[in-house]
Amino acid sequence: MTDGTPDTAAPNTAIVPSPCISVCKLTADRAYCIGCLRTLEEIRGWKHMDAGQKRALLADLENRQAAAAE
């Protein structure tokens, strides 16, 4: 029976939304997607990552976006 509070004991089973924004175009050097800033390897691997790995990648993407804005 649940009391309505989130289950923090199993964080790797939660659904993590994809960072894809449907702007799927690689940079000229094919280093990453200009829409989501993921590399091809990260895009291909997304479906195989657990929630913890996805959240770690999302944090990396925030850092990439901040670095790109500088």
N, C-alpha and C. Protein backbone atom coordinates (compact mmCIF):
# COMPACT_ATOMS: atom_id res chain seq x y z
N MET A 1 0.84 -1.17 0.00
CA MET A 1 0.00 0.00 0.00
C MET A 1 0.89 1.24 0.00
N THR A 2 0.56 2.21 -0.83
CA THR A 2 1.36 3.44 -0.88
C THR A 2 0.63 4.57 -0.20
N ASP A 3 1.41 5.52 0.30
CA ASP A 3 0.81 6.67 0.97
C ASP A 3 0.85 7.92 0.09
N GLY A 4 1.22 7.75 -1.19
CA GLY A 4 1.23 8.88 -2.10
C GLY A 4 2.57 9.59 -2.20
N THR A 5 3.52 9.22 -1.34
CA THR A 5 4.83 9.85 -1.43
C THR A 5 5.67 9.14 -2.49
N PRO A 6 6.56 9.87 -3.16
CA PRO A 6 7.38 9.24 -4.19
C PRO A 6 8.29 8.17 -3.61
N ASP A 7 8.55 7.16 -4.39
CA ASP A 7 9.45 6.08 -3.97
C ASP A 7 10.87 6.47 -4.31
N THR A 8 11.63 6.90 -3.31
CA THR A 8 13.01 7.30 -3.53
C THR A 8 13.97 6.14 -3.33
N ALA A 9 13.46 5.00 -2.91
CA ALA A 9 14.32 3.84 -2.68
C ALA A 9 14.74 3.18 -3.99
N ALA A 10 13.99 3.41 -5.08
CA ALA A 10 14.30 2.78 -6.36
C ALA A 10 14.42 3.83 -7.47
N PRO A 11 15.41 4.74 -7.36
CA PRO A 11 15.50 5.82 -8.33
C PRO A 11 15.86 5.37 -9.74
N ASN A 12 16.42 4.17 -9.90
CA ASN A 12 16.82 3.72 -11.22
C ASN A 12 15.69 3.06 -12.00
N THR A 13 14.48 3.09 -11.46
CA THR A 13 13.34 2.53 -12.17
C THR A 13 12.39 3.63 -12.65
N ALA A 14 12.65 4.86 -12.26
CA ALA A 14 11.79 5.97 -12.66
C ALA A 14 11.98 6.28 -14.14
N ILE A 15 10.94 6.76 -14.77
CA ILE A 15 11.02 7.15 -16.18
C ILE A 15 11.70 8.51 -16.27
N VAL A 16 12.71 8.59 -17.13
CA VAL A 16 13.44 9.83 -17.36
C VAL A 16 13.17 10.24 -18.80
N PRO A 17 12.59 11.43 -19.01
CA PRO A 17 12.26 11.84 -20.38
C PRO A 17 13.52 12.10 -21.21
N SER A 18 13.43 11.79 -22.48
CA SER A 18 14.53 12.00 -23.40
C SER A 18 14.78 13.50 -23.58
N PRO A 19 16.05 13.89 -23.76
CA PRO A 19 16.35 15.30 -24.01
C PRO A 19 16.09 15.70 -25.46
N CYS A 20 15.67 14.78 -26.30
CA CYS A 20 15.42 15.07 -27.71
C CYS A 20 14.34 16.14 -27.84
N ILE A 21 14.63 17.15 -28.68
CA ILE A 21 13.64 18.20 -28.94
C ILE A 21 13.23 18.21 -30.41
N SER A 22 13.49 17.11 -31.09
CA SER A 22 13.14 16.91 -32.50
C SER A 22 13.81 17.91 -33.44
N VAL A 23 14.99 18.34 -33.08
CA VAL A 23 15.85 19.14 -33.95
C VAL A 23 17.09 18.28 -34.17
N CYS A 24 16.93 17.28 -35.02
CA CYS A 24 17.94 16.24 -35.17
C CYS A 24 18.89 16.58 -36.32
N LYS A 25 19.95 17.29 -35.97
CA LYS A 25 20.95 17.66 -36.96
C LYS A 25 22.30 17.68 -36.26
N LEU A 26 23.26 17.03 -36.87
CA LEU A 26 24.59 16.98 -36.28
C LEU A 26 25.40 18.22 -36.65
N THR A 27 26.34 18.55 -35.78
CA THR A 27 27.26 19.63 -36.09
C THR A 27 28.08 19.23 -37.31
N ALA A 28 28.74 20.19 -37.93
CA ALA A 28 29.53 19.92 -39.14
C ALA A 28 30.57 18.84 -38.92
N ASP A 29 31.15 18.80 -37.72
CA ASP A 29 32.17 17.78 -37.42
C ASP A 29 31.56 16.49 -36.88
N ARG A 30 30.22 16.42 -36.86
CA ARG A 30 29.46 15.25 -36.39
C ARG A 30 29.77 14.92 -34.93
N ALA A 31 30.15 15.93 -34.17
CA ALA A 31 30.49 15.72 -32.77
C ALA A 31 29.24 15.49 -31.91
N TYR A 32 28.17 16.23 -32.20
CA TYR A 32 26.96 16.10 -31.40
C TYR A 32 25.76 16.68 -32.14
N CYS A 33 24.58 16.39 -31.65
CA CYS A 33 23.33 16.90 -32.21
C CYS A 33 23.14 18.34 -31.75
N ILE A 34 22.77 19.23 -32.67
CA ILE A 34 22.58 20.62 -32.27
C ILE A 34 21.29 20.82 -31.47
N GLY A 35 20.39 19.87 -31.54
CA GLY A 35 19.14 19.97 -30.79
C GLY A 35 19.28 19.58 -29.33
N CYS A 36 19.85 18.41 -29.08
CA CYS A 36 19.91 17.90 -27.71
C CYS A 36 21.32 17.88 -27.13
N LEU A 37 22.32 18.16 -27.94
CA LEU A 37 23.73 18.21 -27.54
C LEU A 37 24.32 16.84 -27.20
N ARG A 38 23.61 15.77 -27.55
CA ARG A 38 24.15 14.43 -27.31
C ARG A 38 25.02 13.99 -28.48
N THR A 39 25.99 13.14 -28.17
CA THR A 39 26.79 12.52 -29.22
C THR A 39 25.97 11.39 -29.84
N LEU A 40 26.41 10.92 -31.00
CA LEU A 40 25.71 9.79 -31.61
C LEU A 40 25.69 8.58 -30.68
N GLU A 41 26.81 8.35 -30.01
CA GLU A 41 26.88 7.22 -29.08
C GLU A 41 25.86 7.37 -27.96
N GLU A 42 25.71 8.58 -27.44
CA GLU A 42 24.74 8.82 -26.37
C GLU A 42 23.31 8.66 -26.86
N ILE A 43 23.05 9.11 -28.08
CA ILE A 43 21.71 8.97 -28.66
C ILE A 43 21.38 7.50 -28.83
N ARG A 44 22.30 6.75 -29.40
CA ARG A 44 22.07 5.31 -29.60
C ARG A 44 21.94 4.56 -28.28
N GLY A 45 22.70 4.96 -27.28
CA GLY A 45 22.70 4.25 -26.01
C GLY A 45 21.58 4.61 -25.07
N TRP A 46 20.84 5.67 -25.34
CA TRP A 46 19.79 6.15 -24.43
C TRP A 46 18.84 5.04 -24.02
N LYS A 47 18.37 4.26 -24.97
CA LYS A 47 17.36 3.24 -24.65
C LYS A 47 17.92 2.10 -23.80
N HIS A 48 19.24 2.00 -23.72
CA HIS A 48 19.86 0.95 -22.93
C HIS A 48 20.31 1.42 -21.55
N MET A 49 20.23 2.73 -21.30
CA MET A 49 20.67 3.29 -20.02
C MET A 49 19.59 3.11 -18.96
N ASP A 50 20.03 2.94 -17.72
CA ASP A 50 19.04 2.94 -16.64
C ASP A 50 18.78 4.40 -16.25
N ALA A 51 17.82 4.61 -15.38
CA ALA A 51 17.42 5.97 -15.02
C ALA A 51 18.56 6.79 -14.43
N GLY A 52 19.40 6.16 -13.64
CA GLY A 52 20.54 6.86 -13.04
C GLY A 52 21.52 7.34 -14.10
N GLN A 53 21.79 6.50 -15.09
CA GLN A 53 22.68 6.88 -16.17
C GLN A 53 22.08 8.01 -17.01
N LYS A 54 20.77 7.93 -17.23
CA LYS A 54 20.09 8.99 -17.99
C LYS A 54 20.16 10.32 -17.26
N ARG A 55 19.93 10.29 -15.94
CA ARG A 55 20.00 11.54 -15.16
C ARG A 55 21.41 12.11 -15.17
N ALA A 56 22.41 11.24 -15.12
CA ALA A 56 23.81 11.70 -15.18
C ALA A 56 24.09 12.35 -16.53
N LEU A 57 23.59 11.75 -17.59
CA LEU A 57 23.78 12.34 -18.93
C LEU A 57 23.06 13.68 -19.02
N LEU A 58 21.86 13.78 -18.47
CA LEU A 58 21.13 15.05 -18.50
C LEU A 58 21.92 16.14 -17.78
N ALA A 59 22.57 15.79 -16.68
CA ALA A 59 23.41 16.76 -15.96
C ALA A 59 24.59 17.18 -16.83
N ASP A 60 25.20 16.22 -17.53
CA ASP A 60 26.30 16.54 -18.45
C ASP A 60 25.82 17.47 -19.55
N LEU A 61 24.62 17.22 -20.05
CA LEU A 61 24.08 18.06 -21.13
C LEU A 61 23.85 19.49 -20.66
N GLU A 62 23.42 19.66 -19.41
CA GLU A 62 23.27 21.01 -18.85
C GLU A 62 24.61 21.72 -18.83
N ASN A 63 25.67 21.00 -18.45
CA ASN A 63 27.01 21.58 -18.44
C ASN A 63 27.47 21.94 -19.85
N ARG A 64 27.17 21.08 -20.81
CA ARG A 64 27.53 21.36 -22.22
C ARG A 64 26.82 22.60 -22.70
N GLN A 65 25.54 22.71 -22.36
CA GLN A 65 24.76 23.87 -22.79
C GLN A 65 25.31 25.15 -22.18
N ALA A 66 25.68 25.10 -20.89
CA ALA A 66 26.25 26.27 -20.23
C ALA A 66 27.58 26.65 -20.87
N ALA A 67 28.40 25.65 -21.18
CA ALA A 67 29.71 25.91 -21.80
C ALA A 67 29.54 26.50 -23.19
N ALA A 68 28.55 26.02 -23.92
CA ALA A 68 28.31 26.51 -25.28
C ALA A 68 27.81 27.95 -25.28
N ALA A 69 27.14 28.33 -24.18
CA ALA A 69 26.58 29.68 -24.08
C ALA A 69 27.65 30.72 -23.75
N GLU A 70 28.80 30.27 -23.28
CA GLU A 70 29.86 31.20 -22.89
C GLU A 70 30.59 31.77 -24.06
